[in-house]
Amino acid sequence: GSNGESDSLFVTRRGGSLTRQAFWYRVKKYAAIADITQPLSPHTLRH
């Protein structure tokens, strides 16, 4: 938006980069939507 430029690839509406904790939360959220009940974290995608 009006927050100017950022070198970070993945940004938030505040203009900063997305944090590790925020991405972890979103992975959990999408796992619930996808009805994936096993323990899941961003590192699970790497595995």
All heavy atoms as atom14 arrays in JSON, in Angstrom:
{
  "sequence": "GSNGESDSLFVTRRGGSLTRQAFWYRVKKYAAIADITQPLSPHTLRH",
  "atom14_mask": [
    [1, 1, 1, 1, 0, 0, 0, 0, 0, 0, 0, 0, 0, 0],
    [1, 1, 1, 1, 1, 1, 0, 0, 0, 0, 0, 0, 0, 0],
    [1, 1, 1, 1, 1, 1, 1, 1, 0, 0, 0, 0, 0, 0],
    [1, 1, 1, 1, 0, 0, 0, 0, 0, 0, 0, 0, 0, 0],
    [1, 1, 1, 1, 1, 1, 1, 1, 1, 0, 0, 0, 0, 0],
    [1, 1, 1, 1, 1, 1, 0, 0, 0, 0, 0, 0, 0, 0],
    [1, 1, 1, 1, 1, 1, 1, 1, 0, 0, 0, 0, 0, 0],
    [1, 1, 1, 1, 1, 1, 0, 0, 0, 0, 0, 0, 0, 0],
    [1, 1, 1, 1, 1, 1, 1, 1, 0, 0, 0, 0, 0, 0],
    [1, 1, 1, 1, 1, 1, 1, 1, 1, 1, 1, 0, 0, 0],
    [1, 1, 1, 1, 1, 1, 1, 0, 0, 0, 0, 0, 0, 0],
    [1, 1, 1, 1, 1, 1, 1, 0, 0, 0, 0, 0, 0, 0],
    [1, 1, 1, 1, 1, 1, 1, 1, 1, 1, 1, 0, 0, 0],
    [1, 1, 1, 1, 1, 1, 1, 1, 1, 1, 1, 0, 0, 0],
    [1, 1, 1, 1, 0, 0, 0, 0, 0, 0, 0, 0, 0, 0],
    [1, 1, 1, 1, 0, 0, 0, 0, 0, 0, 0, 0, 0, 0],
    [1, 1, 1, 1, 1, 1, 0, 0, 0, 0, 0, 0, 0, 0],
    [1, 1, 1, 1, 1, 1, 1, 1, 0, 0, 0, 0, 0, 0],
    [1, 1, 1, 1, 1, 1, 1, 0, 0, 0, 0, 0, 0, 0],
    [1, 1, 1, 1, 1, 1, 1, 1, 1, 1, 1, 0, 0, 0],
    [1, 1, 1, 1, 1, 1, 1, 1, 1, 0, 0, 0, 0, 0],
    [1, 1, 1, 1, 1, 0, 0, 0, 0, 0, 0, 0, 0, 0],
    [1, 1, 1, 1, 1, 1, 1, 1, 1, 1, 1, 0, 0, 0],
    [1, 1, 1, 1, 1, 1, 1, 1, 1, 1, 1, 1, 1, 1],
    [1, 1, 1, 1, 1, 1, 1, 1, 1, 1, 1, 1, 0, 0],
    [1, 1, 1, 1, 1, 1, 1, 1, 1, 1, 1, 0, 0, 0],
    [1, 1, 1, 1, 1, 1, 1, 0, 0, 0, 0, 0, 0, 0],
    [1, 1, 1, 1, 1, 1, 1, 1, 1, 0, 0, 0, 0, 0],
    [1, 1, 1, 1, 1, 1, 1, 1, 1, 0, 0, 0, 0, 0],
    [1, 1, 1, 1, 1, 1, 1, 1, 1, 1, 1, 1, 0, 0],
    [1, 1, 1, 1, 1, 0, 0, 0, 0, 0, 0, 0, 0, 0],
    [1, 1, 1, 1, 1, 0, 0, 0, 0, 0, 0, 0, 0, 0],
    [1, 1, 1, 1, 1, 1, 1, 1, 0, 0, 0, 0, 0, 0],
    [1, 1, 1, 1, 1, 0, 0, 0, 0, 0, 0, 0, 0, 0],
    [1, 1, 1, 1, 1, 1, 1, 1, 0, 0, 0, 0, 0, 0],
    [1, 1, 1, 1, 1, 1, 1, 1, 0, 0, 0, 0, 0, 0],
    [1, 1, 1, 1, 1, 1, 1, 0, 0, 0, 0, 0, 0, 0],
    [1, 1, 1, 1, 1, 1, 1, 1, 1, 0, 0, 0, 0, 0],
    [1, 1, 1, 1, 1, 1, 1, 0, 0, 0, 0, 0, 0, 0],
    [1, 1, 1, 1, 1, 1, 1, 1, 0, 0, 0, 0, 0, 0],
    [1, 1, 1, 1, 1, 1, 0, 0, 0, 0, 0, 0, 0, 0],
    [1, 1, 1, 1, 1, 1, 1, 0, 0, 0, 0, 0, 0, 0],
    [1, 1, 1, 1, 1, 1, 1, 1, 1, 1, 0, 0, 0, 0],
    [1, 1, 1, 1, 1, 1, 1, 0, 0, 0, 0, 0, 0, 0],
    [1, 1, 1, 1, 1, 1, 1, 1, 0, 0, 0, 0, 0, 0],
    [1, 1, 1, 1, 1, 1, 1, 1, 1, 1, 1, 0, 0, 0],
    [1, 1, 1, 1, 1, 1, 1, 1, 1, 1, 0, 0, 0, 0]
  ],
  "atom14_positions": [
    [[0.81, -1.2, 0.0], [0.0, 0.0, 0.0], [0.84, 1.25, 0.0], [1.73, 1.44, -0.85], [0.0, 0.0, 0.0], [0.0, 0.0, 0.0], [0.0, 0.0, 0.0], [0.0, 0.0, 0.0], [0.0, 0.0, 0.0], [0.0, 0.0, 0.0], [0.0, 0.0, 0.0], [0.0, 0.0, 0.0], [0.0, 0.0, 0.0], [0.0, 0.0, 0.0]],
    [[0.61, 2.1, 0.98], [1.35, 3.37, 1.06], [2.56, 3.28, 1.98], [3.14, 4.3, 2.35], [0.4, 4.48, 1.57], [-0.1, 4.14, 2.86], [0.0, 0.0, 0.0], [0.0, 0.0, 0.0], [0.0, 0.0, 0.0], [0.0, 0.0, 0.0], [0.0, 0.0, 0.0], [0.0, 0.0, 0.0], [0.0, 0.0, 0.0], [0.0, 0.0, 0.0]],
    [[2.94, 2.06, 2.34], [4.07, 1.89, 3.25], [5.43, 2.0, 2.56], [6.46, 1.81, 3.19], [3.97, 0.54, 3.96], [2.86, 0.51, 4.98], [2.77, 1.39, 5.83], [1.98, -0.47, 4.88], [0.0, 0.0, 0.0], [0.0, 0.0, 0.0], [0.0, 0.0, 0.0], [0.0, 0.0, 0.0], [0.0, 0.0, 0.0], [0.0, 0.0, 0.0]],
    [[5.4, 2.23, 1.25], [6.66, 2.4, 0.54], [7.24, 1.09, 0.05], [6.55, 0.08, -0.06], [0.0, 0.0, 0.0], [0.0, 0.0, 0.0], [0.0, 0.0, 0.0], [0.0, 0.0, 0.0], [0.0, 0.0, 0.0], [0.0, 0.0, 0.0], [0.0, 0.0, 0.0], [0.0, 0.0, 0.0], [0.0, 0.0, 0.0], [0.0, 0.0, 0.0]],
    [[8.54, 1.11, -0.22], [9.22, -0.04, -0.78], [9.77, -0.94, 0.33], [9.98, -0.51, 1.45], [10.37, 0.41, -1.69], [9.9, 1.08, -2.97], [9.1, 0.14, -3.85], [9.49, -1.04, -3.97], [8.06, 0.56, -4.39], [0.0, 0.0, 0.0], [0.0, 0.0, 0.0], [0.0, 0.0, 0.0], [0.0, 0.0, 0.0], [0.0, 0.0, 0.0]],
    [[10.0, -2.2, -0.04], [10.61, -3.16, 0.87], [11.41, -4.16, 0.04], [10.99, -4.55, -1.04], [9.54, -3.89, 1.68], [10.12, -4.94, 2.43], [0.0, 0.0, 0.0], [0.0, 0.0, 0.0], [0.0, 0.0, 0.0], [0.0, 0.0, 0.0], [0.0, 0.0, 0.0], [0.0, 0.0, 0.0], [0.0, 0.0, 0.0], [0.0, 0.0, 0.0]],
    [[12.58, -4.55, 0.55], [13.39, -5.55, -0.14], [12.87, -6.97, 0.11], [13.19, -7.89, -0.63], [14.85, -5.46, 0.31], [15.54, -4.19, -0.18], [15.12, -3.68, -1.23], [16.46, -3.72, 0.5], [0.0, 0.0, 0.0], [0.0, 0.0, 0.0], [0.0, 0.0, 0.0], [0.0, 0.0, 0.0], [0.0, 0.0, 0.0], [0.0, 0.0, 0.0]],
    [[12.1, -7.14, 1.18], [11.6, -8.47, 1.52], [10.65, -8.98, 0.44], [9.83, -8.22, -0.08], [10.88, -8.44, 2.87], [11.76, -8.09, 3.91], [0.0, 0.0, 0.0], [0.0, 0.0, 0.0], [0.0, 0.0, 0.0], [0.0, 0.0, 0.0], [0.0, 0.0, 0.0], [0.0, 0.0, 0.0], [0.0, 0.0, 0.0], [0.0, 0.0, 0.0]],
    [[10.75, -10.26, 0.14], [9.87, -10.84, -0.87], [8.45, -10.95, -0.34], [7.49, -10.54, -1.0], [10.4, -12.23, -1.28], [9.56, -12.99, -2.31], [9.44, -12.21, -3.61], [10.17, -14.38, -2.56], [0.0, 0.0, 0.0], [0.0, 0.0, 0.0], [0.0, 0.0, 0.0], [0.0, 0.0, 0.0], [0.0, 0.0, 0.0], [0.0, 0.0, 0.0]],
    [[8.28, -11.5, 0.86], [6.95, -11.7, 1.42], [6.69, -10.67, 2.51], [7.39, -10.64, 3.53], [6.81, -13.12, 1.95], [6.93, -14.16, 0.87], [8.05, -14.99, 0.8], [5.94, -14.3, -0.09], [8.17, -15.94, -0.19], [6.05, -15.25, -1.1], [7.17, -16.07, -1.15], [0.0, 0.0, 0.0], [0.0, 0.0, 0.0], [0.0, 0.0, 0.0]],
    [[5.68, -9.82, 2.28], [5.44, -8.67, 3.15], [4.04, -8.72, 3.75], [3.18, -9.49, 3.31], [5.62, -7.35, 2.38], [7.06, -7.2, 1.9], [4.64, -7.29, 1.2], [0.0, 0.0, 0.0], [0.0, 0.0, 0.0], [0.0, 0.0, 0.0], [0.0, 0.0, 0.0], [0.0, 0.0, 0.0], [0.0, 0.0, 0.0], [0.0, 0.0, 0.0]],
    [[3.83, -7.87, 4.76], [2.52, -7.71, 5.39], [1.96, -6.34, 5.04], [2.63, -5.52, 4.41], [2.65, -7.83, 6.92], [3.4, -6.69, 7.41], [3.39, -9.1, 7.31], [0.0, 0.0, 0.0], [0.0, 0.0, 0.0], [0.0, 0.0, 0.0], [0.0, 0.0, 0.0], [0.0, 0.0, 0.0], [0.0, 0.0, 0.0], [0.0, 0.0, 0.0]],
    [[0.74, -6.08, 5.49], [0.12, -4.78, 5.22], [0.82, -3.65, 5.97], [0.64, -2.48, 5.65], [-1.36, -4.81, 5.6], [-2.21, -5.64, 4.63], [-3.69, -5.43, 4.86], [-4.49, -6.25, 3.96], [-4.86, -5.91, 2.73], [-4.46, -4.73, 2.26], [-5.6, -6.7, 1.99], [0.0, 0.0, 0.0], [0.0, 0.0, 0.0], [0.0, 0.0, 0.0]],
    [[1.63, -3.99, 6.96], [2.4, -2.97, 7.68], [3.71, -2.63, 6.98], [4.44, -1.75, 7.43], [2.68, -3.45, 9.1], [1.43, -3.6, 9.96], [1.79, -4.01, 11.38], [0.61, -4.11, 12.22], [0.63, -4.44, 13.51], [1.81, -4.69, 14.1], [-0.49, -4.53, 14.2], [0.0, 0.0, 0.0], [0.0, 0.0, 0.0], [0.0, 0.0, 0.0]],
    [[4.01, -3.34, 5.92], [5.21, -3.05, 5.17], [6.43, -3.85, 5.56], [7.46, -3.78, 4.9], [0.0, 0.0, 0.0], [0.0, 0.0, 0.0], [0.0, 0.0, 0.0], [0.0, 0.0, 0.0], [0.0, 0.0, 0.0], [0.0, 0.0, 0.0], [0.0, 0.0, 0.0], [0.0, 0.0, 0.0], [0.0, 0.0, 0.0], [0.0, 0.0, 0.0]],
    [[6.31, -4.63, 6.64], [7.44, -5.45, 7.07], [7.36, -6.85, 6.48], [6.39, -7.21, 5.81], [0.0, 0.0, 0.0], [0.0, 0.0, 0.0], [0.0, 0.0, 0.0], [0.0, 0.0, 0.0], [0.0, 0.0, 0.0], [0.0, 0.0, 0.0], [0.0, 0.0, 0.0], [0.0, 0.0, 0.0], [0.0, 0.0, 0.0], [0.0, 0.0, 0.0]],
    [[8.4, -7.63, 6.72], [8.4, -9.01, 6.24], [7.58, -9.88, 7.18], [7.49, -9.61, 8.38], [9.83, -9.55, 6.13], [10.45, -9.52, 7.4], [0.0, 0.0, 0.0], [0.0, 0.0, 0.0], [0.0, 0.0, 0.0], [0.0, 0.0, 0.0], [0.0, 0.0, 0.0], [0.0, 0.0, 0.0], [0.0, 0.0, 0.0], [0.0, 0.0, 0.0]],
    [[6.99, -10.94, 6.63], [6.2, -11.88, 7.45], [7.15, -12.6, 8.41], [8.24, -13.03, 8.03], [5.5, -12.89, 6.55], [4.31, -13.63, 7.17], [3.12, -12.68, 7.27], [3.93, -14.84, 6.34], [0.0, 0.0, 0.0], [0.0, 0.0, 0.0], [0.0, 0.0, 0.0], [0.0, 0.0, 0.0], [0.0, 0.0, 0.0], [0.0, 0.0, 0.0]],
    [[6.74, -12.76, 9.65], [7.59, -13.4, 10.65], [7.43, -14.92, 10.62], [6.45, -15.45, 10.08], [7.25, -12.91, 12.07], [5.91, -13.33, 12.4], [7.34, -11.4, 12.15], [0.0, 0.0, 0.0], [0.0, 0.0, 0.0], [0.0, 0.0, 0.0], [0.0, 0.0, 0.0], [0.0, 0.0, 0.0], [0.0, 0.0, 0.0], [0.0, 0.0, 0.0]],
    [[8.39, -15.59, 11.25], [8.34, -17.05, 11.38], [7.06, -17.48, 12.1], [6.39, -18.43, 11.69], [9.57, -17.49, 12.18], [9.59, -18.95, 12.59], [10.66, -19.15, 13.66], [11.98, -18.79, 13.17], [12.84, -19.64, 12.63], [12.53, -20.92, 12.53], [14.01, -19.25, 12.23], [0.0, 0.0, 0.0], [0.0, 0.0, 0.0], [0.0, 0.0, 0.0]],
    [[6.71, -16.77, 13.18], [5.53, -17.14, 13.96], [4.25, -16.95, 13.16], [3.33, -17.77, 13.25], [5.47, -16.29, 15.25], [6.56, -16.58, 16.25], [7.88, -15.91, 15.89], [7.95, -15.1, 14.96], [8.93, -16.25, 16.63], [0.0, 0.0, 0.0], [0.0, 0.0, 0.0], [0.0, 0.0, 0.0], [0.0, 0.0, 0.0], [0.0, 0.0, 0.0]],
    [[4.19, -15.87, 12.37], [3.0, -15.61, 11.56], [2.81, -16.68, 10.49], [1.68, -17.13, 10.25], [3.1, -14.23, 10.91], [0.0, 0.0, 0.0], [0.0, 0.0, 0.0], [0.0, 0.0, 0.0], [0.0, 0.0, 0.0], [0.0, 0.0, 0.0], [0.0, 0.0, 0.0], [0.0, 0.0, 0.0], [0.0, 0.0, 0.0], [0.0, 0.0, 0.0]],
    [[3.9, -17.11, 9.87], [3.77, -18.16, 8.85], [3.39, -19.49, 9.49], [2.59, -20.25, 8.95], [5.09, -18.29, 8.07], [5.0, -19.27, 6.93], [4.03, -19.15, 5.95], [5.9, -20.34, 6.83], [3.93, -20.06, 4.9], [5.82, -21.24, 5.79], [4.83, -21.1, 4.82], [0.0, 0.0, 0.0], [0.0, 0.0, 0.0], [0.0, 0.0, 0.0]],
    [[3.95, -19.78, 10.67], [3.58, -21.0, 11.39], [2.09, -21.01, 11.67], [1.42, -22.03, 11.48], [4.37, -21.06, 12.7], [4.08, -22.27, 13.55], [4.71, -23.47, 13.51], [3.09, -22.38, 14.58], [4.17, -24.33, 14.45], [3.18, -23.69, 15.12], [2.15, -21.5, 15.11], [2.35, -24.13, 16.15], [1.32, -21.94, 16.13], [1.44, -23.25, 16.64]],
    [[1.56, -19.86, 12.1], [0.13, -19.76, 12.41], [-0.7, -20.01, 11.15], [-1.73, -20.7, 11.2], [-0.18, -18.37, 12.97], [-1.66, -18.07, 13.03], [-2.46, -18.59, 14.05], [-2.25, -17.26, 12.06], [-3.82, -18.32, 14.09], [-3.62, -17.0, 12.09], [-4.4, -17.52, 13.11], [-5.74, -17.26, 13.15], [0.0, 0.0, 0.0], [0.0, 0.0, 0.0]],
    [[-0.26, -19.48, 10.01], [-1.04, -19.62, 8.79], [-0.99, -21.05, 8.25], [-1.98, -21.55, 7.7], [-0.56, -18.6, 7.75], [-0.62, -17.17, 8.26], [-0.4, -16.13, 7.2], [-1.62, -15.85, 6.45], [-2.62, -15.12, 6.89], [-2.57, -14.58, 8.1], [-3.68, -14.9, 6.15], [0.0, 0.0, 0.0], [0.0, 0.0, 0.0], [0.0, 0.0, 0.0]],
    [[0.13, -21.72, 8.43], [0.2, -23.12, 8.05], [-0.8, -23.94, 8.87], [-1.52, -24.8, 8.33], [1.63, -23.68, 8.24], [1.65, -25.2, 8.1], [2.57, -23.07, 7.21], [0.0, 0.0, 0.0], [0.0, 0.0, 0.0], [0.0, 0.0, 0.0], [0.0, 0.0, 0.0], [0.0, 0.0, 0.0], [0.0, 0.0, 0.0], [0.0, 0.0, 0.0]],
    [[-0.86, -23.69, 10.16], [-1.83, -24.36, 11.03], [-3.27, -24.09, 10.57], [-4.12, -24.99, 10.56], [-1.65, -23.89, 12.47], [-0.35, -24.32, 13.13], [-0.42, -25.76, 13.57], [0.79, -26.14, 14.4], [0.76, -27.56, 14.82], [0.0, 0.0, 0.0], [0.0, 0.0, 0.0], [0.0, 0.0, 0.0], [0.0, 0.0, 0.0], [0.0, 0.0, 0.0]],
    [[-3.52, -22.86, 10.22], [-4.86, -22.45, 9.78], [-5.26, -23.22, 8.52], [-6.38, -23.76, 8.44], [-4.87, -20.94, 9.52], [-6.12, -20.44, 8.8], [-5.96, -18.98, 8.39], [-7.11, -18.53, 7.5], [-6.94, -17.12, 7.05], [0.0, 0.0, 0.0], [0.0, 0.0, 0.0], [0.0, 0.0, 0.0], [0.0, 0.0, 0.0], [0.0, 0.0, 0.0]],
    [[-4.36, -23.29, 7.55], [-4.69, -23.96, 6.29], [-4.77, -25.48, 6.46], [-5.52, -26.14, 5.76], [-3.69, -23.57, 5.21], [-3.77, -22.1, 4.85], [-2.63, -21.29, 4.85], [-4.99, -21.51, 4.54], [-2.72, -19.94, 4.54], [-5.08, -20.16, 4.24], [-3.95, -19.38, 4.24], [-4.04, -18.04, 3.95], [0.0, 0.0, 0.0], [0.0, 0.0, 0.0]],
    [[-4.0, -26.0, 7.4], [-4.09, -27.44, 7.69], [-5.48, -27.77, 8.22], [-6.06, -28.81, 7.86], [-3.02, -27.83, 8.69], [0.0, 0.0, 0.0], [0.0, 0.0, 0.0], [0.0, 0.0, 0.0], [0.0, 0.0, 0.0], [0.0, 0.0, 0.0], [0.0, 0.0, 0.0], [0.0, 0.0, 0.0], [0.0, 0.0, 0.0], [0.0, 0.0, 0.0]],
    [[-6.03, -26.91, 9.07], [-7.38, -27.13, 9.6], [-8.41, -27.07, 8.49], [-9.34, -27.89, 8.44], [-7.68, -26.08, 10.68], [0.0, 0.0, 0.0], [0.0, 0.0, 0.0], [0.0, 0.0, 0.0], [0.0, 0.0, 0.0], [0.0, 0.0, 0.0], [0.0, 0.0, 0.0], [0.0, 0.0, 0.0], [0.0, 0.0, 0.0], [0.0, 0.0, 0.0]],
    [[-8.25, -26.1, 7.58], [-9.18, -25.99, 6.45], [-9.1, -27.23, 5.57], [-10.12, -27.72, 5.06], [-8.85, -24.73, 5.62], [-9.13, -23.47, 6.44], [-9.65, -24.71, 4.31], [-8.68, -22.17, 5.78], [0.0, 0.0, 0.0], [0.0, 0.0, 0.0], [0.0, 0.0, 0.0], [0.0, 0.0, 0.0], [0.0, 0.0, 0.0], [0.0, 0.0, 0.0]],
    [[-7.89, -27.77, 5.41], [-7.68, -28.94, 4.56], [-7.98, -30.24, 5.28], [-7.79, -31.33, 4.71], [-6.23, -28.95, 4.05], [0.0, 0.0, 0.0], [0.0, 0.0, 0.0], [0.0, 0.0, 0.0], [0.0, 0.0, 0.0], [0.0, 0.0, 0.0], [0.0, 0.0, 0.0], [0.0, 0.0, 0.0], [0.0, 0.0, 0.0], [0.0, 0.0, 0.0]],
    [[-8.45, -30.15, 6.53], [-8.79, -31.33, 7.34], [-7.58, -32.25, 7.53], [-7.68, -33.47, 7.45], [-9.96, -32.1, 6.7], [-10.58, -33.1, 7.67], [-10.52, -32.85, 8.89], [-11.11, -34.13, 7.21], [0.0, 0.0, 0.0], [0.0, 0.0, 0.0], [0.0, 0.0, 0.0], [0.0, 0.0, 0.0], [0.0, 0.0, 0.0], [0.0, 0.0, 0.0]],
    [[-6.41, -31.65, 7.77], [-5.2, -32.39, 8.1], [-5.04, -32.34, 9.61], [-4.78, -31.27, 10.18], [-3.96, -31.8, 7.39], [-4.14, -31.86, 5.87], [-2.69, -32.54, 7.8], [-3.07, -31.11, 5.1], [0.0, 0.0, 0.0], [0.0, 0.0, 0.0], [0.0, 0.0, 0.0], [0.0, 0.0, 0.0], [0.0, 0.0, 0.0], [0.0, 0.0, 0.0]],
    [[-5.2, -33.47, 10.26], [-5.25, -33.48, 11.73], [-3.92, -33.8, 12.38], [-3.77, -33.6, 13.59], [-6.3, -34.51, 12.21], [-5.96, -35.79, 11.68], [-7.69, -34.12, 11.73], [0.0, 0.0, 0.0], [0.0, 0.0, 0.0], [0.0, 0.0, 0.0], [0.0, 0.0, 0.0], [0.0, 0.0, 0.0], [0.0, 0.0, 0.0], [0.0, 0.0, 0.0]],
    [[-2.95, -34.32, 11.64], [-1.66, -34.67, 12.24], [-0.87, -33.41, 12.55], [-1.14, -32.34, 11.99], [-0.86, -35.56, 11.28], [-0.34, -34.84, 10.03], [0.2, -35.81, 9.02], [-0.52, -36.57, 8.41], [1.52, -35.77, 8.83], [0.0, 0.0, 0.0], [0.0, 0.0, 0.0], [0.0, 0.0, 0.0], [0.0, 0.0, 0.0], [0.0, 0.0, 0.0]],
    [[0.1, -33.48, 13.48], [0.92, -32.31, 13.8], [1.59, -31.75, 12.54], [2.14, -32.5, 11.73], [1.96, -32.87, 14.78], [1.31, -34.07, 15.37], [0.48, -34.66, 14.28], [0.0, 0.0, 0.0], [0.0, 0.0, 0.0], [0.0, 0.0, 0.0], [0.0, 0.0, 0.0], [0.0, 0.0, 0.0], [0.0, 0.0, 0.0], [0.0, 0.0, 0.0]],
    [[1.52, -30.44, 12.4], [2.02, -29.81, 11.17], [2.71, -28.5, 11.5], [2.27, -27.74, 12.36], [0.84, -29.56, 10.22], [1.16, -29.09, 8.81], [1.95, -30.15, 8.06], [-0.12, -28.77, 8.05], [0.0, 0.0, 0.0], [0.0, 0.0, 0.0], [0.0, 0.0, 0.0], [0.0, 0.0, 0.0], [0.0, 0.0, 0.0], [0.0, 0.0, 0.0]],
    [[3.82, -28.25, 10.82], [4.56, -27.0, 10.97], [5.15, -26.67, 9.6], [5.13, -27.5, 8.68], [5.68, -27.16, 12.0], [6.73, -27.96, 11.48], [0.0, 0.0, 0.0], [0.0, 0.0, 0.0], [0.0, 0.0, 0.0], [0.0, 0.0, 0.0], [0.0, 0.0, 0.0], [0.0, 0.0, 0.0], [0.0, 0.0, 0.0], [0.0, 0.0, 0.0]],
    [[5.69, -25.45, 9.42], [6.34, -25.14, 8.15], [7.43, -26.15, 7.78], [7.63, -26.45, 6.6], [6.93, -23.75, 8.4], [6.01, -23.14, 9.4], [5.61, -24.29, 10.3], [0.0, 0.0, 0.0], [0.0, 0.0, 0.0], [0.0, 0.0, 0.0], [0.0, 0.0, 0.0], [0.0, 0.0, 0.0], [0.0, 0.0, 0.0], [0.0, 0.0, 0.0]],
    [[8.13, -26.7, 8.79], [9.2, -27.65, 8.51], [8.67, -28.96, 7.93], [9.4, -29.68, 7.24], [10.0, -27.93, 9.79], [11.44, -28.24, 9.53], [12.34, -27.31, 9.05], [12.15, -29.4, 9.67], [13.53, -27.87, 8.92], [13.44, -29.13, 9.28], [0.0, 0.0, 0.0], [0.0, 0.0, 0.0], [0.0, 0.0, 0.0], [0.0, 0.0, 0.0]],
    [[7.38, -29.26, 8.19], [6.78, -30.47, 7.65], [6.76, -30.41, 6.12], [6.9, -31.44, 5.44], [5.34, -30.65, 8.17], [5.34, -30.52, 9.59], [4.79, -32.01, 7.79], [0.0, 0.0, 0.0], [0.0, 0.0, 0.0], [0.0, 0.0, 0.0], [0.0, 0.0, 0.0], [0.0, 0.0, 0.0], [0.0, 0.0, 0.0], [0.0, 0.0, 0.0]],
    [[6.61, -29.21, 5.56], [6.61, -29.05, 4.1], [8.0, -29.37, 3.54], [8.12, -29.93, 2.45], [6.21, -27.63, 3.72], [4.78, -27.23, 4.06], [4.55, -25.75, 3.77], [3.79, -28.08, 3.28], [0.0, 0.0, 0.0], [0.0, 0.0, 0.0], [0.0, 0.0, 0.0], [0.0, 0.0, 0.0], [0.0, 0.0, 0.0], [0.0, 0.0, 0.0]],
    [[9.04, -29.01, 4.27], [10.41, -29.33, 3.85], [10.61, -30.84, 3.87], [11.21, -31.41, 2.95], [11.4, -28.63, 4.78], [12.88, -28.95, 4.55], [13.72, -28.02, 5.41], [15.07, -28.47, 5.63], [16.11, -28.21, 4.83], [15.91, -27.52, 3.71], [17.32, -28.64, 5.12], [0.0, 0.0, 0.0], [0.0, 0.0, 0.0], [0.0, 0.0, 0.0]],
    [[10.09, -31.5, 4.91], [10.18, -32.95, 4.97], [9.41, -33.6, 3.83], [9.87, -34.58, 3.23], [9.64, -33.46, 6.31], [10.5, -33.13, 7.49], [11.88, -33.23, 7.45], [10.19, -32.7, 8.73], [12.37, -32.87, 8.63], [11.36, -32.55, 9.42], [0.0, 0.0, 0.0], [0.0, 0.0, 0.0], [0.0, 0.0, 0.0], [0.0, 0.0, 0.0]]
  ]
}
